[in-house]
PDB file of N, CA and C in Angstrom:
ATOM      1  N   MET A   1       0.707  -1.113   0.013  1.00  0.00           N
ATOM      2  CA  MET A   1       0.170   0.158  -0.128  1.00  0.00           C
ATOM      3  C   MET A   1       0.732   1.210  -0.268  1.00  0.00           C
ATOM      4  N   ALA A   2       0.558   2.267  -0.889  1.00  0.00           N
ATOM      5  CA  ALA A   2       1.527   3.730  -0.939  1.00  0.00           C
ATOM      6  C   ALA A   2       1.146   4.309  -0.486  1.00  0.00           C
ATOM      7  N   VAL A   3       1.487   5.046   0.467  1.00  0.00           N
ATOM      8  CA  VAL A   3       1.354   6.108   1.265  1.00  0.00           C
ATOM      9  C   VAL A   3       1.390   7.725   0.395  1.00  0.00           C
ATOM     10  N   LYS A   4       0.310   8.274   0.348  1.00  0.00           N
ATOM     11  CA  LYS A   4       0.085   9.647  -0.285  1.00  0.00           C
ATOM     12  C   LYS A   4       0.525  10.726   0.392  1.00  0.00           C
ATOM     13  N   ALA A   5       1.561  11.115  -0.357  1.00  0.00           N
ATOM     14  CA  ALA A   5       2.033  13.069   0.238  1.00  0.00           C
ATOM     15  C   ALA A   5       0.955  13.535   0.525  1.00  0.00           C
ATOM     16  N   GLU A   6       1.057  14.506   1.647  1.00  0.00           N
ATOM     17  CA  GLU A   6      -0.147  14.959   2.100  1.00  0.00           C
ATOM     18  C   GLU A   6       0.506  16.735   1.158  1.00  0.00           C
ATOM     19  N   ALA A   7      -1.170  17.093   0.940  1.00  0.00           N
ATOM     20  CA  ALA A   7      -1.100  18.143   0.137  1.00  0.00           C
ATOM     21  C   ALA A   7       0.151  19.820   1.002  1.00  0.00           C
ATOM     22  N   SER A   8       0.033  19.614   2.385  1.00  0.00           N
ATOM     23  CA  SER A   8       0.506  20.457   2.952  1.00  0.00           C
ATOM     24  C   SER A   8       2.414  20.630   2.805  1.00  0.00           C
ATOM     25  N   GLY A   9       2.971  19.388   2.186  1.00  0.00           N
ATOM     26  CA  GLY A   9       4.355  19.541   1.688  1.00  0.00           C
ATOM     27  C   GLY A   9       5.026  18.659   2.950  1.00  0.00           C
ATOM     28  N   CYS A  10       4.585  18.647   4.060  1.00  0.00           N
ATOM     29  CA  CYS A  10       5.509  17.706   4.851  1.00  0.00           C
ATOM     30  C   CYS A  10       5.189  16.574   5.271  1.00  0.00           C
ATOM     31  N   GLU A  11       5.219  15.552   4.894  1.00  0.00           N
ATOM     32  CA  GLU A  11       5.329  14.186   4.587  1.00  0.00           C
ATOM     33  C   GLU A  11       5.024  13.411   5.707  1.00  0.00           C
ATOM     34  N   SER A  12       4.226  12.089   5.853  1.00  0.00           N
ATOM     35  CA  SER A  12       4.216  11.152   7.016  1.00  0.00           C
ATOM     36  C   SER A  12       5.861  10.669   7.010  1.00  0.00           C
ATOM     37  N   ALA A  13       6.229  10.141   7.809  1.00  0.00           N
ATOM     38  CA  ALA A  13       7.471   9.288   8.109  1.00  0.00           C
ATOM     39  C   ALA A  13       7.595   8.285   7.487  1.00  0.00           C
ATOM     40  N   ALA A  14       6.574   7.757   6.930  1.00  0.00           N
ATOM     41  CA  ALA A  14       6.660   6.738   5.573  1.00  0.00           C
ATOM     42  C   ALA A  14       7.698   7.102   4.198  1.00  0.00           C
ATOM     43  N   VAL A  15       7.031   8.512   4.139  1.00  0.00           N
ATOM     44  CA  VAL A  15       7.483   9.780   2.672  1.00  0.00           C
ATOM     45  C   VAL A  15       7.704  10.702   3.585  1.00  0.00           C
ATOM     46  N   ARG A  16       9.034  10.776   3.347  1.00  0.00           N
ATOM     47  CA  ARG A  16       9.686  11.916   3.862  1.00  0.00           C
ATOM     48  C   ARG A  16      10.253  12.894   2.850  1.00  0.00           C
ATOM     49  N   LYS A  17       9.771  14.164   2.755  1.00  0.00           N
ATOM     50  CA  LYS A  17      10.128  15.150   2.031  1.00  0.00           C
ATOM     51  C   LYS A  17       9.834  16.336   2.109  1.00  0.00           C
ATOM     52  N   SER A  18      10.987  17.359   2.125  1.00  0.00           N
ATOM     53  CA  SER A  18      10.585  18.471   2.539  1.00  0.00           C
ATOM     54  C   SER A  18      10.082  19.146   1.270  1.00  0.00           C
ATOM     55  N   HIS A  19       9.495  20.804   1.715  1.00  0.00           N
ATOM     56  CA  HIS A  19       8.930  21.543   0.898  1.00  0.00           C
ATOM     57  C   HIS A  19       9.436  22.974   0.664  1.00  0.00           C
ATOM     58  N   HIS A  20      10.504  23.241   0.180  1.00  0.00           N
ATOM     59  CA  HIS A  20      11.000  24.421   0.075  1.00  0.00           C
ATOM     60  C   HIS A  20      10.608  25.285  -0.715  1.00  0.00           C
ATOM     61  N   SER A  21      10.404  26.648  -0.530  1.00  0.00           N
ATOM     62  CA  SER A  21       9.890  27.615  -1.782  1.00  0.00           C
ATOM     63  C   SER A  21      11.374  27.593  -2.617  1.00  0.00           C
ATOM     64  N   ASP A  22      10.495  27.859  -4.199  1.00  0.00           N
ATOM     65  CA  ASP A  22      11.745  27.959  -5.172  1.00  0.00           C
ATOM     66  C   ASP A  22      12.796  28.967  -4.675  1.00  0.00           C
ATOM     67  N   GLN A  23      12.717  29.685  -3.972  1.00  0.00           N
ATOM     68  CA  GLN A  23      13.440  31.245  -3.215  1.00  0.00           C
ATOM     69  C   GLN A  23      14.408  30.474  -2.524  1.00  0.00           C
ATOM     70  N   THR A  24      13.921  29.597  -1.516  1.00  0.00           N
ATOM     71  CA  THR A  24      15.078  28.883  -0.360  1.00  0.00           C
ATOM     72  C   THR A  24      15.940  28.073  -1.305  1.00  0.00           C
ATOM     73  N   LYS A  25      15.570  26.964  -2.249  1.00  0.00           N
ATOM     74  CA  LYS A  25      16.216  26.312  -3.423  1.00  0.00           C
ATOM     75  C   LYS A  25      17.270  26.681  -3.760  1.00  0.00           C
ATOM     76  N   ALA A  26      16.739  28.386  -4.356  1.00  0.00           N
ATOM     77  CA  ALA A  26      17.527  28.782  -4.800  1.00  0.00           C
ATOM     78  C   ALA A  26      18.829  29.398  -4.137  1.00  0.00           C
ATOM     79  N   ALA A  27      18.572  29.688  -2.814  1.00  0.00           N
ATOM     80  CA  ALA A  27      19.379  30.226  -1.857  1.00  0.00           C
ATOM     81  C   ALA A  27      20.603  29.233  -1.902  1.00  0.00           C
ATOM     82  N   LEU A  28      19.349  28.247  -1.016  1.00  0.00           N
ATOM     83  CA  LEU A  28      20.420  26.985  -0.733  1.00  0.00           C
ATOM     84  C   LEU A  28      21.527  26.500  -1.668  1.00  0.00           C
ATOM     85  N   THR A  29      21.201  26.362  -3.003  1.00  0.00           N
ATOM     86  CA  THR A  29      22.217  26.024  -4.165  1.00  0.00           C
ATOM     87  C   THR A  29      23.101  26.502  -4.598  1.00  0.00           C
ATOM     88  N   SER A  30      22.879  28.462  -4.497  1.00  0.00           N
ATOM     89  CA  SER A  30      23.690  29.237  -4.221  1.00  0.00           C
ATOM     90  C   SER A  30      24.900  28.864  -3.740  1.00  0.00           C
ATOM     91  N   ARG A  31      24.738  28.818  -2.137  1.00  0.00           N
ATOM     92  CA  ARG A  31      25.481  28.623  -0.946  1.00  0.00           C
ATOM     93  C   ARG A  31      26.187  27.599  -1.127  1.00  0.00           C
ATOM     94  N   LEU A  32      25.464  26.337  -1.511  1.00  0.00           N
ATOM     95  CA  LEU A  32      26.325  24.755  -1.457  1.00  0.00           C
ATOM     96  C   LEU A  32      26.975  24.938  -3.345  1.00  0.00           C
ATOM     97  N   ASN A  33      26.853  25.760  -4.074  1.00  0.00           N
ATOM     98  CA  ASN A  33      28.129  25.810  -5.064  1.00  0.00           C
ATOM     99  C   ASN A  33      29.191  26.275  -4.626  1.00  0.00           C
ATOM    100  N   ARG A  34      28.999  27.772  -4.053  1.00  0.00           N
ATOM    101  CA  ARG A  34      29.901  28.362  -3.543  1.00  0.00           C
ATOM    102  C   ARG A  34      31.084  27.142  -2.503  1.00  0.00           C
ATOM    103  N   ILE A  35      30.236  26.836  -1.440  1.00  0.00           N
ATOM    104  CA  ILE A  35      30.582  26.284  -0.874  1.00  0.00           C
ATOM    105  C   ILE A  35      31.693  24.805  -1.817  1.00  0.00           C
ATOM    106  N   GLU A  36      31.140  24.215  -2.724  1.00  0.00           N
ATOM    107  CA  GLU A  36      31.957  23.355  -3.552  1.00  0.00           C
ATOM    108  C   GLU A  36      33.223  24.209  -4.259  1.00  0.00           C
ATOM    109  N   GLY A  37      32.870  25.045  -4.817  1.00  0.00           N
ATOM    110  CA  GLY A  37      34.093  25.754  -5.254  1.00  0.00           C
ATOM    111  C   GLY A  37      34.684  26.266  -4.492  1.00  0.00           C
ATOM    112  N   GLN A  38      34.705  26.504  -2.992  1.00  0.00           N
ATOM    113  CA  GLN A  38      35.832  26.561  -2.131  1.00  0.00           C
ATOM    114  C   GLN A  38      36.861  25.052  -1.724  1.00  0.00           C
ATOM    115  N   ILE A  39      36.101  24.274  -1.789  1.00  0.00           N
ATOM    116  CA  ILE A  39      36.517  22.823  -1.305  1.00  0.00           C
ATOM    117  C   ILE A  39      37.310  22.447  -2.896  1.00  0.00           C
ATOM    118  N   ARG A  40      37.277  22.822  -4.007  1.00  0.00           N
ATOM    119  CA  ARG A  40      38.308  22.540  -5.286  1.00  0.00           C
ATOM    120  C   ARG A  40      39.138  23.644  -5.032  1.00  0.00           C
ATOM    121  N   GLY A  41      38.592  25.064  -4.248  1.00  0.00           N
ATOM    122  CA  GLY A  41      40.060  25.431  -3.848  1.00  0.00           C
ATOM    123  C   GLY A  41      40.854  25.227  -3.095  1.00  0.00           C
ATOM    124  N   ILE A  42      40.503  24.651  -1.986  1.00  0.00           N
ATOM    125  CA  ILE A  42      41.515  23.695  -0.951  1.00  0.00           C
ATOM    126  C   ILE A  42      42.120  22.918  -1.510  1.00  0.00           C
ATOM    127  N   LYS A  43      41.739  22.044  -2.832  1.00  0.00           N
ATOM    128  CA  LYS A  43      42.361  20.848  -3.301  1.00  0.00           C
ATOM    129  C   LYS A  43      43.640  21.268  -3.987  1.00  0.00           C
ATOM    130  N   GLY A  44      43.052  22.640  -4.826  1.00  0.00           N
ATOM    131  CA  GLY A  44      44.180  23.331  -5.423  1.00  0.00           C
ATOM    132  C   GLY A  44      45.286  23.797  -4.700  1.00  0.00           C
ATOM    133  N   MET A  45      44.939  24.340  -3.650  1.00  0.00           N
ATOM    134  CA  MET A  45      46.097  24.497  -2.576  1.00  0.00           C
ATOM    135  C   MET A  45      47.019  23.742  -2.375  1.00  0.00           C
ATOM    136  N   ILE A  46      46.377  22.558  -2.019  1.00  0.00           N
ATOM    137  CA  ILE A  46      47.019  21.798  -1.475  1.00  0.00           C
ATOM    138  C   ILE A  46      48.298  21.190  -2.700  1.00  0.00           C
ATOM    139  N   GLU A  47      47.612  20.620  -3.704  1.00  0.00           N
ATOM    140  CA  GLU A  47      48.588  20.768  -4.778  1.00  0.00           C
ATOM    141  C   GLU A  47      49.368  21.500  -5.485  1.00  0.00           C
ATOM    142  N   LYS A  48      49.309  22.782  -4.846  1.00  0.00           N
ATOM    143  CA  LYS A  48      50.215  24.059  -4.997  1.00  0.00           C
ATOM    144  C   LYS A  48      51.261  24.167  -3.594  1.00  0.00           C
ATOM    145  N   ASP A  49      51.484  23.190  -2.948  1.00  0.00           N
ATOM    146  CA  ASP A  49      51.825  22.881  -1.405  1.00  0.00           C
ATOM    147  C   ASP A  49      51.666  24.881  -0.751  1.00  0.00           C
ATOM    148  N   VAL A  50      50.458  25.231  -0.703  1.00  0.00           N
ATOM    149  CA  VAL A  50      50.492  26.742   0.074  1.00  0.00           C
ATOM    150  C   VAL A  50      50.240  26.079   1.849  1.00  0.00           C
ATOM    151  N   TYR A  51      50.941  26.943   2.186  1.00  0.00           N
ATOM    152  CA  TYR A  51      51.052  27.379   3.301  1.00  0.00           C
ATOM    153  C   TYR A  51      50.165  26.708   3.862  1.00  0.00           C
ATOM    154  N   CYS A  52      50.314  25.768   5.070  1.00  0.00           N
ATOM    155  CA  CYS A  52      49.065  25.182   5.705  1.00  0.00           C
ATOM    156  C   CYS A  52      48.228  25.907   6.306  1.00  0.00           C
ATOM    157  N   ASP A  53      48.727  27.162   7.110  1.00  0.00           N
ATOM    158  CA  ASP A  53      47.524  28.151   7.623  1.00  0.00           C
ATOM    159  C   ASP A  53      46.362  28.275   7.002  1.00  0.00           C
ATOM    160  N   ASP A  54      47.178  29.128   5.747  1.00  0.00           N
ATOM    161  CA  ASP A  54      46.136  29.211   4.760  1.00  0.00           C
ATOM    162  C   ASP A  54      45.147  28.624   4.532  1.00  0.00           C
ATOM    163  N   ILE A  55      45.215  27.143   4.358  1.00  0.00           N
ATOM    164  CA  ILE A  55      44.821  26.248   4.003  1.00  0.00           C
ATOM    165  C   ILE A  55      43.354  25.774   5.417  1.00  0.00           C
ATOM    166  N   LEU A  56      44.288  25.842   6.383  1.00  0.00           N
ATOM    167  CA  LEU A  56      42.946  26.159   7.693  1.00  0.00           C
ATOM    168  C   LEU A  56      42.258  27.087   7.414  1.00  0.00           C
ATOM    169  N   ASN A  57      42.825  27.903   7.312  1.00  0.00           N
ATOM    170  CA  ASN A  57      42.092  29.722   7.112  1.00  0.00           C
ATOM    171  C   ASN A  57      40.716  28.882   6.596  1.00  0.00           C
ATOM    172  N   GLN A  58      41.095  28.628   5.076  1.00  0.00           N
ATOM    173  CA  GLN A  58      39.836  28.742   4.146  1.00  0.00           C
ATOM    174  C   GLN A  58      39.025  27.278   4.434  1.00  0.00           C
ATOM    175  N   MET A  59      39.189  26.535   5.402  1.00  0.00           N
ATOM    176  CA  MET A  59      38.856  25.320   5.531  1.00  0.00           C
ATOM    177  C   MET A  59      37.796  25.666   6.762  1.00  0.00           C
ATOM    178  N   ALA A  60      38.058  27.026   7.709  1.00  0.00           N
ATOM    179  CA  ALA A  60      37.446  27.691   8.620  1.00  0.00           C
ATOM    180  C   ALA A  60      36.242  28.045   7.616  1.00  0.00           C
ATOM    181  N   ALA A  61      36.574  28.795   6.740  1.00  0.00           N
ATOM    182  CA  ALA A  61      35.467  30.031   6.186  1.00  0.00           C
ATOM    183  C   ALA A  61      34.671  28.509   5.501  1.00  0.00           C
ATOM    184  N   ILE A  62      34.901  27.605   5.133  1.00  0.00           N
ATOM    185  CA  ILE A  62      33.679  26.537   4.720  1.00  0.00           C
ATOM    186  C   ILE A  62      32.723  26.336   5.279  1.00  0.00           C
ATOM    187  N   GLN A  63      33.439  25.431   6.701  1.00  0.00           N
ATOM    188  CA  GLN A  63      32.983  25.198   7.494  1.00  0.00           C
ATOM    189  C   GLN A  63      31.944  26.497   8.174  1.00  0.00           C
ATOM    190  N   SER A  64      31.974  27.369   8.234  1.00  0.00           N
ATOM    191  CA  SER A  64      31.137  28.485   8.986  1.00  0.00           C
ATOM    192  C   SER A  64      30.084  28.578   7.635  1.00  0.00           C
ATOM    193  N   ALA A  65      30.396  28.826   6.541  1.00  0.00           N
ATOM    194  CA  ALA A  65      29.558  28.329   5.407  1.00  0.00           C
ATOM    195  C   ALA A  65      28.463  26.972   5.539  1.00  0.00           C
ATOM    196  N   LEU A  66      29.201  26.422   5.889  1.00  0.00           N
ATOM    197  CA  LEU A  66      28.370  24.694   6.022  1.00  0.00           C
ATOM    198  C   LEU A  66      27.364  24.988   6.861  1.00  0.00           C
ATOM    199  N   ASN A  67      27.928  25.899   8.156  1.00  0.00           N
ATOM    200  CA  ASN A  67      26.827  26.120   9.386  1.00  0.00           C
ATOM    201  C   ASN A  67      25.731  26.905   8.937  1.00  0.00           C
ATOM    202  N   GLY A  68      26.212  27.861   8.037  1.00  0.00           N
ATOM    203  CA  GLY A  68      25.194  28.713   8.008  1.00  0.00           C
ATOM    204  C   GLY A  68      23.640  27.874   6.771  1.00  0.00           C
ATOM    205  N   VAL A  69      23.939  27.329   6.052  1.00  0.00           N
ATOM    206  CA  VAL A  69      23.088  26.398   5.195  1.00  0.00           C
ATOM    207  C   VAL A  69      22.737  25.569   6.281  1.00  0.00           C
ATOM    208  N   GLY A  70      23.353  25.272   7.210  1.00  0.00           N
ATOM    209  CA  GLY A  70      22.461  24.015   8.361  1.00  0.00           C
ATOM    210  C   GLY A  70      21.238  25.171   9.131  1.00  0.00           C
ATOM    211  N   LYS A  71      21.702  25.895   9.361  1.00  0.00           N
ATOM    212  CA  LYS A  71      21.049  27.010  10.217  1.00  0.00           C
ATOM    213  C   LYS A  71      19.647  27.311   9.724  1.00  0.00           C
ATOM    214  N   LEU A  72      20.052  27.562   8.256  1.00  0.00           N
ATOM    215  CA  LEU A  72      18.834  27.863   7.156  1.00  0.00           C
ATOM    216  C   LEU A  72      17.947  27.010   7.107  1.00  0.00           C
ATOM    217  N   LEU A  73      18.509  25.890   6.915  1.00  0.00           N
ATOM    218  CA  LEU A  73      17.888  24.538   7.105  1.00  0.00           C
ATOM    219  C   LEU A  73      16.947  24.015   8.075  1.00  0.00           C
ATOM    220  N   LEU A  74      17.434  24.096   9.177  1.00  0.00           N
ATOM    221  CA  LEU A  74      16.970  24.202  10.329  1.00  0.00           C
ATOM    222  C   LEU A  74      15.877  24.977  10.910  1.00  0.00           C
ATOM    223  N   GLU A  75      16.258  25.880  10.858  1.00  0.00           N
ATOM    224  CA  GLU A  75      14.829  27.205  10.593  1.00  0.00           C
ATOM    225  C   GLU A  75      13.886  26.801   9.955  1.00  0.00           C
ATOM    226  N   ASN A  76      13.952  26.407   8.390  1.00  0.00           N
ATOM    227  CA  ASN A  76      12.633  26.300   7.705  1.00  0.00           C
ATOM    228  C   ASN A  76      12.175  25.049   8.139  1.00  0.00           C
ATOM    229  N   HIS A  77      12.895  24.077   8.687  1.00  0.00           N
ATOM    230  CA  HIS A  77      12.230  22.458   8.914  1.00  0.00           C
ATOM    231  C   HIS A  77      11.361  22.621  10.581  1.00  0.00           C
ATOM    232  N   MET A  78      11.909  23.253  11.261  1.00  0.00           N
ATOM    233  CA  MET A  78      11.155  23.878  12.738  1.00  0.00           C
ATOM    234  C   MET A  78       9.793  24.330  12.054  1.00  0.00           C
ATOM    235  N   LYS A  79      10.218  25.677  11.518  1.00  0.00           N
ATOM    236  CA  LYS A  79       8.753  26.617  11.167  1.00  0.00           C
ATOM    237  C   LYS A  79       7.836  25.924  10.317  1.00  0.00           C
ATOM    238  N   SER A  80       8.140  24.505   9.520  1.00  0.00           N
ATOM    239  CA  SER A  80       7.218  24.270   8.936  1.00  0.00           C
ATOM    240  C   SER A  80       7.161  22.737   9.122  1.00  0.00           C
ATOM    241  N   CYS A  81       8.133  21.749   8.700  1.00  0.00           N
ATOM    242  CA  CYS A  81       7.780  20.481   9.184  1.00  0.00           C
ATOM    243  C   CYS A  81       7.503  20.105  10.648  1.00  0.00           C
ATOM    244  N   VAL A  82       8.095  20.655  11.364  1.00  0.00           N
ATOM    245  CA  VAL A  82       7.593  20.640  12.885  1.00  0.00           C
ATOM    246  C   VAL A  82       6.666  20.970  13.138  1.00  0.00           C
ATOM    247  N   VAL A  83       6.117  21.917  13.324  1.00  0.00           N
ATOM    248  CA  VAL A  83       5.265  22.887  13.720  1.00  0.00           C
ATOM    249  C   VAL A  83       4.111  22.028  12.934  1.00  0.00           C
ATOM    250  N   GLU A  84       3.757  21.481  11.928  1.00  0.00           N
ATOM    251  CA  GLU A  84       2.749  21.093  11.262  1.00  0.00           C
ATOM    252  C   GLU A  84       2.846  19.260  11.820  1.00  0.00           C
ATOM    253  N   ARG A  85       3.768  18.617  12.044  1.00  0.00           N
ATOM    254  CA  ARG A  85       3.453  17.112  12.624  1.00  0.00           C
ATOM    255  C   ARG A  85       2.985  17.677  14.351  1.00  0.00           C
ATOM    256  N   ILE A  86       3.846  18.344  14.829  1.00  0.00           N
ATOM    257  CA  ILE A  86       3.337  18.474  16.034  1.00  0.00           C
ATOM    258  C   ILE A  86       1.798  19.092  15.965  1.00  0.00           C
ATOM    259  N   GLN A  87       1.083  19.613  15.159  1.00  0.00           N
ATOM    260  CA  GLN A  87      -0.110  20.394  15.060  1.00  0.00           C
ATOM    261  C   GLN A  87      -1.076  19.103  14.792  1.00  0.00           C
ATOM    262  N   SER A  88      -0.465  18.373  13.767  1.00  0.00           N
ATOM    263  CA  SER A  88      -0.988  16.686  13.777  1.00  0.00           C
ATOM    264  C   SER A  88      -0.818  15.629  14.967  1.00  0.00           C
ATOM    265  N   GLY A  89      -0.253  16.163  16.031  1.00  0.00           N
ATOM    266  CA  GLY A  89      -0.063  15.185  16.709  1.00  0.00           C
ATOM    267  C   GLY A  89       0.927  14.017  17.228  1.00  0.00           C
ATOM    268  N   ASP A  90       1.687  14.376  16.191  1.00  0.00           N
ATOM    269  CA  ASP A  90       2.918  13.459  16.359  1.00  0.00           C
ATOM    270  C   ASP A  90       4.141  14.124  16.854  1.00  0.00           C
ATOM    271  N   HIS A  91       4.406  14.124  18.467  1.00  0.00           N
ATOM    272  CA  HIS A  91       5.356  14.816  19.031  1.00  0.00           C
ATOM    273  C   HIS A  91       6.270  14.052  18.716  1.00  0.00           C
ATOM    274  N   GLU A  92       6.597  12.940  18.337  1.00  0.00           N
ATOM    275  CA  GLU A  92       7.912  12.076  17.795  1.00  0.00           C
ATOM    276  C   GLU A  92       8.812  12.853  17.859  1.00  0.00           C
ATOM    277  N   VAL A  93       8.235  13.936  17.116  1.00  0.00           N
ATOM    278  CA  VAL A  93       9.381  14.937  16.039  1.00  0.00           C
ATOM    279  C   VAL A  93      10.137  15.611  16.869  1.00  0.00           C
ATOM    280  N   LEU A  94       9.742  15.812  17.660  1.00  0.00           N
ATOM    281  CA  LEU A  94      10.574  16.545  18.910  1.00  0.00           C
ATOM    282  C   LEU A  94      11.703  15.649  18.980  1.00  0.00           C
ATOM    283  N   ASP A  95      11.916  14.548  19.332  1.00  0.00           N
ATOM    284  CA  ASP A  95      12.734  13.802  19.699  1.00  0.00           C
ATOM    285  C   ASP A  95      13.986  13.550  18.111  1.00  0.00           C
ATOM    286  N   GLU A  96      13.139  13.623  17.500  1.00  0.00           N
ATOM    287  CA  GLU A  96      13.687  13.278  15.934  1.00  0.00           C
ATOM    288  C   GLU A  96      14.751  15.115  15.927  1.00  0.00           C
ATOM    289  N   LEU A  97      14.140  16.322  16.455  1.00  0.00           N
ATOM    290  CA  LEU A  97      14.823  17.289  16.066  1.00  0.00           C
ATOM    291  C   LEU A  97      15.796  17.351  17.017  1.00  0.00           C
ATOM    292  N   LEU A  98      15.740  17.320  18.312  1.00  0.00           N
ATOM    293  CA  LEU A  98      16.915  16.883  19.725  1.00  0.00           C
ATOM    294  C   LEU A  98      18.045  16.056  18.695  1.00  0.00           C
ATOM    295  N   VAL A  99      17.815  15.048  18.311  1.00  0.00           N
ATOM    296  CA  VAL A  99      19.028  13.872  18.062  1.00  0.00           C
ATOM    297  C   VAL A  99      19.289  15.322  16.630  1.00  0.00           C
ATOM    298  N   THR A 100      19.042  15.794  15.682  1.00  0.00           N
ATOM    299  CA  THR A 100      19.639  16.078  14.694  1.00  0.00           C
ATOM    300  C   THR A 100      20.152  17.575  15.145  1.00  0.00           C
ATOM    301  N   VAL A 101      19.917  18.158  16.274  1.00  0.00           N
ATOM    302  CA  VAL A 101      20.241  19.593  16.737  1.00  0.00           C
ATOM    303  C   VAL A 101      22.068  19.305  17.182  1.00  0.00           C
ATOM    304  N   HIS A 102      21.333  17.733  18.191  1.00  0.00           N
ATOM    305  CA  HIS A 102      23.036  17.389  19.029  1.00  0.00           C
ATOM    306  C   HIS A 102      23.886  17.100  17.680  1.00  0.00           C
ATOM    307  N   LYS A 103      23.676  16.629  16.766  1.00  0.00           N
ATOM    308  CA  LYS A 103      24.614  16.289  15.351  1.00  0.00           C
ATOM    309  C   LYS A 103      25.383  17.588  14.809  1.00  0.00           C
ATOM    310  N   LEU A 104      24.054  18.563  15.172  1.00  0.00           N
ATOM    311  CA  LEU A 104      24.456  20.060  14.409  1.00  0.00           C
ATOM    312  C   LEU A 104      25.454  20.512  15.037  1.00  0.00           C
ATOM    313  N   MET A 105      25.594  20.256  16.490  1.00  0.00           N
ATOM    314  CA  MET A 105      26.777  20.747  17.644  1.00  0.00           C
ATOM    315  C   MET A 105      27.671  20.561  17.898  1.00  0.00           C
ATOM    316  N   LYS A 106      28.141  19.057  17.218  1.00  0.00           N
ATOM    317  CA  LYS A 106      28.847  18.736  17.487  1.00  0.00           C
ATOM    318  C   LYS A 106      30.494  19.012  16.867  1.00  0.00           C
TER     319      LYS A 106
END
């Protein structure tokens, strides 16, 4: 038996899918493309024997950019999927959210 997607965008636990706006998708994609370029840049820096401290500083910038993507995703997740699941009576989403937050804070 197939599980139908809910019209609101947040899906049941069996079919988990997000529902980002086109604007949010574009912003996330743009940020991730920039991060991807930075990672390729680090690879080039290593191949060119660039000073280690310079590479480490570039890695810190990438980590900060990834954290920014994570914050945006977390905010959108909490304002949409988490709220909708709580409103539908699914309070297990809180435990799921706490596990995710703990992973992000490592």
